[in-house]
Amino acid sequence: MAPGAPSSSPSSILAALLFSSLVLSLAQAIVVYTDREVHGAVGSRVTLHCSFWSSEWVSDDISFTWRYQPEGGRDAISTPVLYAMLDHSRSTKAASEKKSKGLGESRKDKK
């Protein structure tokens, strides 16, 4: 091996695989299904019905942050879901299938 060449010994490859599997296993995807558009007036309560699916178990502590883009606006705005309810009664499969109901308030930021 030439001096300065990267090492590709079996132990370094094994260490890299172990490290990447530990790091990547912490980030699991959840697929969320909801309506494409939900309309509401500024200052009113808006209910967003959605369901989600994950191949991994999801705890009751899950929370969502929704981004919305006002009509005619260029930037998306983040808003926390103020209330979320998960329905575990229908989860009979190995994969977690749950329903969530989000309730948020739309507010116009004062500048």
N, C-alpha and C. Protein backbone atom coordinates (compact mmCIF):
# COMPACT_ATOMS: atom_id res chain seq x y z
N MET A 1 0.85 -1.17 0.00
CA MET A 1 0.00 0.00 0.00
C MET A 1 0.89 1.24 0.00
N ALA A 2 0.53 2.23 -0.79
CA ALA A 2 1.31 3.45 -0.89
C ALA A 2 1.13 4.29 0.38
N PRO A 3 2.19 5.01 0.78
CA PRO A 3 2.06 5.87 1.95
C PRO A 3 0.99 6.93 1.72
N GLY A 4 0.19 7.18 2.73
CA GLY A 4 -0.88 8.19 2.63
C GLY A 4 -2.16 7.67 2.02
N ALA A 5 -2.17 6.43 1.54
CA ALA A 5 -3.39 5.86 0.96
C ALA A 5 -4.36 5.51 2.09
N PRO A 6 -5.66 5.67 1.86
CA PRO A 6 -6.64 5.37 2.90
C PRO A 6 -6.64 3.89 3.24
N SER A 7 -6.81 3.59 4.51
CA SER A 7 -6.82 2.21 4.98
C SER A 7 -8.18 1.58 4.69
N SER A 8 -8.15 0.36 4.19
CA SER A 8 -9.41 -0.34 3.93
C SER A 8 -9.35 -1.72 4.56
N SER A 9 -8.83 -1.77 5.77
CA SER A 9 -8.74 -3.05 6.47
C SER A 9 -10.14 -3.50 6.86
N PRO A 10 -10.33 -4.81 7.04
CA PRO A 10 -11.65 -5.31 7.42
C PRO A 10 -12.17 -4.69 8.72
N SER A 11 -11.29 -4.41 9.67
CA SER A 11 -11.76 -3.82 10.93
C SER A 11 -12.26 -2.39 10.74
N SER A 12 -11.62 -1.61 9.86
CA SER A 12 -12.10 -0.24 9.64
C SER A 12 -13.41 -0.24 8.86
N ILE A 13 -13.58 -1.18 7.96
CA ILE A 13 -14.85 -1.29 7.22
C ILE A 13 -15.96 -1.71 8.17
N LEU A 14 -15.67 -2.67 9.04
CA LEU A 14 -16.66 -3.12 10.02
C LEU A 14 -17.05 -2.00 10.97
N ALA A 15 -16.06 -1.21 11.40
CA ALA A 15 -16.34 -0.08 12.30
C ALA A 15 -17.21 0.95 11.60
N ALA A 16 -16.93 1.23 10.33
CA ALA A 16 -17.74 2.19 9.58
C ALA A 16 -19.17 1.69 9.40
N LEU A 17 -19.34 0.41 9.11
CA LEU A 17 -20.69 -0.15 8.96
C LEU A 17 -21.46 -0.12 10.28
N LEU A 18 -20.79 -0.45 11.37
CA LEU A 18 -21.44 -0.43 12.68
C LEU A 18 -21.86 0.98 13.05
N PHE A 19 -20.96 1.94 12.85
CA PHE A 19 -21.27 3.34 13.16
C PHE A 19 -22.44 3.84 12.33
N SER A 20 -22.44 3.58 11.02
CA SER A 20 -23.51 4.08 10.17
C SER A 20 -24.84 3.40 10.49
N SER A 21 -24.82 2.13 10.87
CA SER A 21 -26.08 1.47 11.22
C SER A 21 -26.66 2.02 12.51
N LEU A 22 -25.80 2.38 13.47
CA LEU A 22 -26.29 2.97 14.72
C LEU A 22 -26.84 4.36 14.50
N VAL A 23 -26.16 5.16 13.70
CA VAL A 23 -26.60 6.53 13.45
C VAL A 23 -27.86 6.54 12.59
N LEU A 24 -27.88 5.74 11.53
CA LEU A 24 -29.03 5.74 10.63
C LEU A 24 -30.26 5.10 11.26
N SER A 25 -30.09 4.22 12.22
CA SER A 25 -31.25 3.59 12.84
C SER A 25 -32.00 4.57 13.74
N LEU A 26 -31.37 5.68 14.13
CA LEU A 26 -32.04 6.68 14.96
C LEU A 26 -33.02 7.52 14.15
N ALA A 27 -32.83 7.58 12.85
CA ALA A 27 -33.71 8.38 11.99
C ALA A 27 -34.63 7.44 11.23
N GLN A 28 -35.87 7.34 11.67
CA GLN A 28 -36.87 6.49 11.03
C GLN A 28 -37.91 7.39 10.37
N ALA A 29 -38.38 7.00 9.23
CA ALA A 29 -39.36 7.80 8.51
C ALA A 29 -40.78 7.43 8.94
N ILE A 30 -41.63 8.43 8.95
CA ILE A 30 -43.06 8.26 9.18
C ILE A 30 -43.75 8.85 7.96
N VAL A 31 -44.65 8.12 7.36
CA VAL A 31 -45.41 8.61 6.22
C VAL A 31 -46.72 9.17 6.74
N VAL A 32 -47.01 10.44 6.43
CA VAL A 32 -48.21 11.11 6.92
C VAL A 32 -49.14 11.36 5.74
N TYR A 33 -50.42 11.04 5.93
CA TYR A 33 -51.44 11.27 4.91
C TYR A 33 -52.42 12.32 5.41
N THR A 34 -52.69 13.34 4.60
CA THR A 34 -53.64 14.38 4.96
C THR A 34 -54.14 15.05 3.68
N ASP A 35 -55.15 15.89 3.82
CA ASP A 35 -55.65 16.62 2.66
C ASP A 35 -54.58 17.56 2.13
N ARG A 36 -54.59 17.78 0.83
CA ARG A 36 -53.61 18.68 0.22
C ARG A 36 -53.82 20.11 0.69
N GLU A 37 -55.06 20.52 0.84
CA GLU A 37 -55.37 21.89 1.26
C GLU A 37 -56.40 21.86 2.38
N VAL A 38 -56.22 22.73 3.35
CA VAL A 38 -57.19 22.95 4.42
C VAL A 38 -57.33 24.46 4.53
N HIS A 39 -58.56 24.95 4.49
CA HIS A 39 -58.80 26.40 4.51
C HIS A 39 -59.31 26.83 5.87
N GLY A 40 -58.93 28.03 6.28
CA GLY A 40 -59.40 28.61 7.54
C GLY A 40 -59.13 30.10 7.53
N ALA A 41 -59.89 30.82 8.33
CA ALA A 41 -59.72 32.27 8.44
C ALA A 41 -58.68 32.58 9.51
N VAL A 42 -58.01 33.72 9.36
CA VAL A 42 -57.02 34.14 10.34
C VAL A 42 -57.70 34.31 11.69
N GLY A 43 -57.12 33.70 12.71
CA GLY A 43 -57.67 33.79 14.06
C GLY A 43 -58.65 32.69 14.40
N SER A 44 -59.02 31.87 13.42
CA SER A 44 -59.98 30.80 13.69
C SER A 44 -59.24 29.51 14.02
N ARG A 45 -59.97 28.57 14.62
CA ARG A 45 -59.40 27.25 14.89
C ARG A 45 -59.53 26.40 13.64
N VAL A 46 -58.47 25.69 13.31
CA VAL A 46 -58.44 24.86 12.12
C VAL A 46 -58.14 23.43 12.55
N THR A 47 -58.94 22.49 12.08
CA THR A 47 -58.71 21.08 12.40
C THR A 47 -58.11 20.39 11.20
N LEU A 48 -57.00 19.72 11.41
CA LEU A 48 -56.31 18.99 10.36
C LEU A 48 -56.39 17.51 10.69
N HIS A 49 -57.17 16.78 9.90
CA HIS A 49 -57.29 15.34 10.09
C HIS A 49 -56.19 14.66 9.29
N CYS A 50 -55.53 13.71 9.91
CA CYS A 50 -54.47 13.01 9.20
C CYS A 50 -54.30 11.61 9.78
N SER A 51 -53.60 10.80 9.04
CA SER A 51 -53.19 9.48 9.54
C SER A 51 -51.75 9.28 9.12
N PHE A 52 -51.07 8.40 9.82
CA PHE A 52 -49.69 8.15 9.44
C PHE A 52 -49.37 6.68 9.60
N TRP A 53 -48.29 6.27 8.95
CA TRP A 53 -47.86 4.89 8.96
C TRP A 53 -46.37 4.84 9.21
N SER A 54 -45.94 3.88 9.99
CA SER A 54 -44.53 3.67 10.23
C SER A 54 -44.27 2.18 10.37
N SER A 55 -43.16 1.72 9.86
CA SER A 55 -42.83 0.30 10.00
C SER A 55 -42.26 0.01 11.39
N GLU A 56 -41.98 1.04 12.16
CA GLU A 56 -41.46 0.91 13.52
C GLU A 56 -42.53 1.33 14.51
N TRP A 57 -42.41 0.88 15.76
CA TRP A 57 -43.33 1.28 16.82
C TRP A 57 -43.16 2.77 17.09
N VAL A 58 -44.25 3.48 17.27
CA VAL A 58 -44.23 4.91 17.52
C VAL A 58 -44.85 5.15 18.89
N SER A 59 -44.18 5.90 19.74
CA SER A 59 -44.68 6.13 21.10
C SER A 59 -45.79 7.17 21.10
N ASP A 60 -46.47 7.28 22.24
CA ASP A 60 -47.53 8.28 22.41
C ASP A 60 -46.97 9.70 22.49
N ASP A 61 -45.69 9.84 22.65
CA ASP A 61 -45.07 11.15 22.81
C ASP A 61 -44.77 11.84 21.48
N ILE A 62 -45.21 11.27 20.39
CA ILE A 62 -44.91 11.84 19.07
C ILE A 62 -45.60 13.19 18.92
N SER A 63 -44.95 14.10 18.23
CA SER A 63 -45.56 15.40 17.94
C SER A 63 -45.20 15.76 16.50
N PHE A 64 -46.01 16.61 15.92
CA PHE A 64 -45.80 17.03 14.54
C PHE A 64 -45.65 18.54 14.51
N THR A 65 -44.91 19.03 13.54
CA THR A 65 -44.87 20.45 13.23
C THR A 65 -45.30 20.58 11.78
N TRP A 66 -46.36 21.34 11.57
CA TRP A 66 -46.88 21.50 10.21
C TRP A 66 -46.36 22.80 9.63
N ARG A 67 -46.08 22.77 8.35
CA ARG A 67 -45.70 23.98 7.63
C ARG A 67 -46.83 24.31 6.66
N TYR A 68 -47.18 25.56 6.61
CA TYR A 68 -48.18 25.95 5.64
C TYR A 68 -47.71 27.20 4.92
N GLN A 69 -48.27 27.39 3.75
CA GLN A 69 -47.90 28.53 2.94
C GLN A 69 -49.17 29.32 2.64
N PRO A 70 -49.25 30.56 3.14
CA PRO A 70 -50.44 31.37 2.87
C PRO A 70 -50.63 31.57 1.37
N GLU A 71 -51.88 31.65 0.97
CA GLU A 71 -52.17 31.85 -0.45
C GLU A 71 -51.51 33.13 -0.93
N GLY A 72 -50.74 33.03 -1.99
CA GLY A 72 -50.02 34.17 -2.53
C GLY A 72 -48.69 34.42 -1.83
N GLY A 73 -48.38 33.67 -0.77
CA GLY A 73 -47.13 33.86 -0.05
C GLY A 73 -46.00 33.06 -0.66
N ARG A 74 -44.78 33.50 -0.40
CA ARG A 74 -43.62 32.79 -0.94
C ARG A 74 -42.97 31.89 0.10
N ASP A 75 -43.13 32.21 1.37
CA ASP A 75 -42.45 31.46 2.42
C ASP A 75 -43.43 30.58 3.18
N ALA A 76 -42.96 29.40 3.57
CA ALA A 76 -43.76 28.50 4.40
C ALA A 76 -43.61 28.92 5.86
N ILE A 77 -44.67 28.75 6.63
CA ILE A 77 -44.69 29.11 8.04
C ILE A 77 -44.85 27.84 8.85
N SER A 78 -44.08 27.69 9.92
CA SER A 78 -44.19 26.52 10.79
C SER A 78 -45.15 26.83 11.93
N THR A 79 -45.95 25.87 12.28
CA THR A 79 -46.83 26.02 13.43
C THR A 79 -46.89 24.69 14.16
N PRO A 80 -46.79 24.71 15.48
CA PRO A 80 -46.91 23.44 16.21
C PRO A 80 -48.35 22.99 16.26
N VAL A 81 -48.55 21.70 16.31
CA VAL A 81 -49.88 21.17 16.51
C VAL A 81 -50.18 21.30 17.99
N LEU A 82 -51.26 21.98 18.33
CA LEU A 82 -51.57 22.24 19.73
C LEU A 82 -52.15 21.02 20.42
N TYR A 83 -52.79 20.15 19.69
CA TYR A 83 -53.42 18.97 20.29
C TYR A 83 -53.31 17.82 19.31
N ALA A 84 -52.89 16.70 19.78
CA ALA A 84 -52.82 15.52 18.92
C ALA A 84 -53.33 14.32 19.68
N MET A 85 -54.13 13.51 19.04
CA MET A 85 -54.69 12.32 19.67
C MET A 85 -54.36 11.13 18.78
N LEU A 86 -53.73 10.13 19.34
CA LEU A 86 -53.38 8.94 18.58
C LEU A 86 -54.35 7.83 18.93
N ASP A 87 -54.84 7.15 17.93
CA ASP A 87 -55.79 6.05 18.10
C ASP A 87 -55.05 4.74 17.91
N HIS A 88 -54.80 4.04 19.02
CA HIS A 88 -54.07 2.77 18.96
C HIS A 88 -55.01 1.58 18.81
N SER A 89 -56.30 1.79 18.89
CA SER A 89 -57.25 0.67 18.90
C SER A 89 -57.27 -0.12 17.60
N ARG A 90 -56.90 0.50 16.51
CA ARG A 90 -56.96 -0.19 15.21
C ARG A 90 -55.61 -0.76 14.81
N SER A 91 -54.63 -0.65 15.66
CA SER A 91 -53.28 -1.11 15.33
C SER A 91 -53.13 -2.59 15.65
N THR A 92 -53.53 -3.43 14.71
CA THR A 92 -53.42 -4.88 14.92
C THR A 92 -52.30 -5.48 14.10
N LYS A 93 -51.74 -4.72 13.19
CA LYS A 93 -50.65 -5.22 12.35
C LYS A 93 -49.32 -4.98 13.06
N ALA A 94 -48.28 -5.62 12.56
CA ALA A 94 -46.95 -5.41 13.12
C ALA A 94 -46.50 -3.97 12.91
N ALA A 95 -46.90 -3.41 11.78
CA ALA A 95 -46.56 -2.01 11.52
C ALA A 95 -47.53 -1.12 12.27
N SER A 96 -47.05 0.04 12.68
CA SER A 96 -47.89 0.98 13.42
C SER A 96 -48.72 1.79 12.45
N GLU A 97 -50.02 1.70 12.55
CA GLU A 97 -50.91 2.53 11.77
C GLU A 97 -51.77 3.28 12.77
N LYS A 98 -51.68 4.58 12.75
CA LYS A 98 -52.37 5.38 13.76
C LYS A 98 -53.04 6.56 13.11
N LYS A 99 -54.05 7.06 13.77
CA LYS A 99 -54.74 8.24 13.29
C LYS A 99 -54.47 9.37 14.26
N SER A 100 -54.36 10.55 13.74
CA SER A 100 -54.09 11.71 14.57
C SER A 100 -55.01 12.84 14.16
N LYS A 101 -55.41 13.61 15.12
CA LYS A 101 -56.23 14.78 14.84
C LYS A 101 -55.49 15.98 15.39
N GLY A 102 -55.15 16.89 14.54
CA GLY A 102 -54.42 18.08 14.98
C GLY A 102 -55.34 19.28 15.04
N LEU A 103 -55.16 20.09 16.04
CA LEU A 103 -55.96 21.30 16.19
C LEU A 103 -55.00 22.45 16.37
N GLY A 104 -55.02 23.37 15.47
CA GLY A 104 -54.11 24.51 15.57
C GLY A 104 -54.86 25.81 15.41
N GLU A 105 -54.22 26.89 15.70
CA GLU A 105 -54.82 28.19 15.51
C GLU A 105 -54.00 28.94 14.48
N SER A 106 -54.69 29.57 13.54
CA SER A 106 -53.97 30.38 12.56
C SER A 106 -53.91 31.80 13.11
N ARG A 107 -52.74 32.38 13.11
CA ARG A 107 -52.56 33.73 13.64
C ARG A 107 -51.78 34.55 12.62
N LYS A 108 -52.09 35.80 12.57
CA LYS A 108 -51.33 36.71 11.74
C LYS A 108 -50.30 37.37 12.64
N ASP A 109 -49.02 37.21 12.30
CA ASP A 109 -47.97 37.80 13.12
C ASP A 109 -47.99 39.31 13.01
N LYS A 110 -47.90 39.96 14.16
CA LYS A 110 -47.85 41.43 14.18
C LYS A 110 -46.40 41.85 14.06
N LYS A 111 -46.13 42.80 13.21
CA LYS A 111 -44.75 43.27 13.00
C LYS A 111 -44.58 44.66 13.53
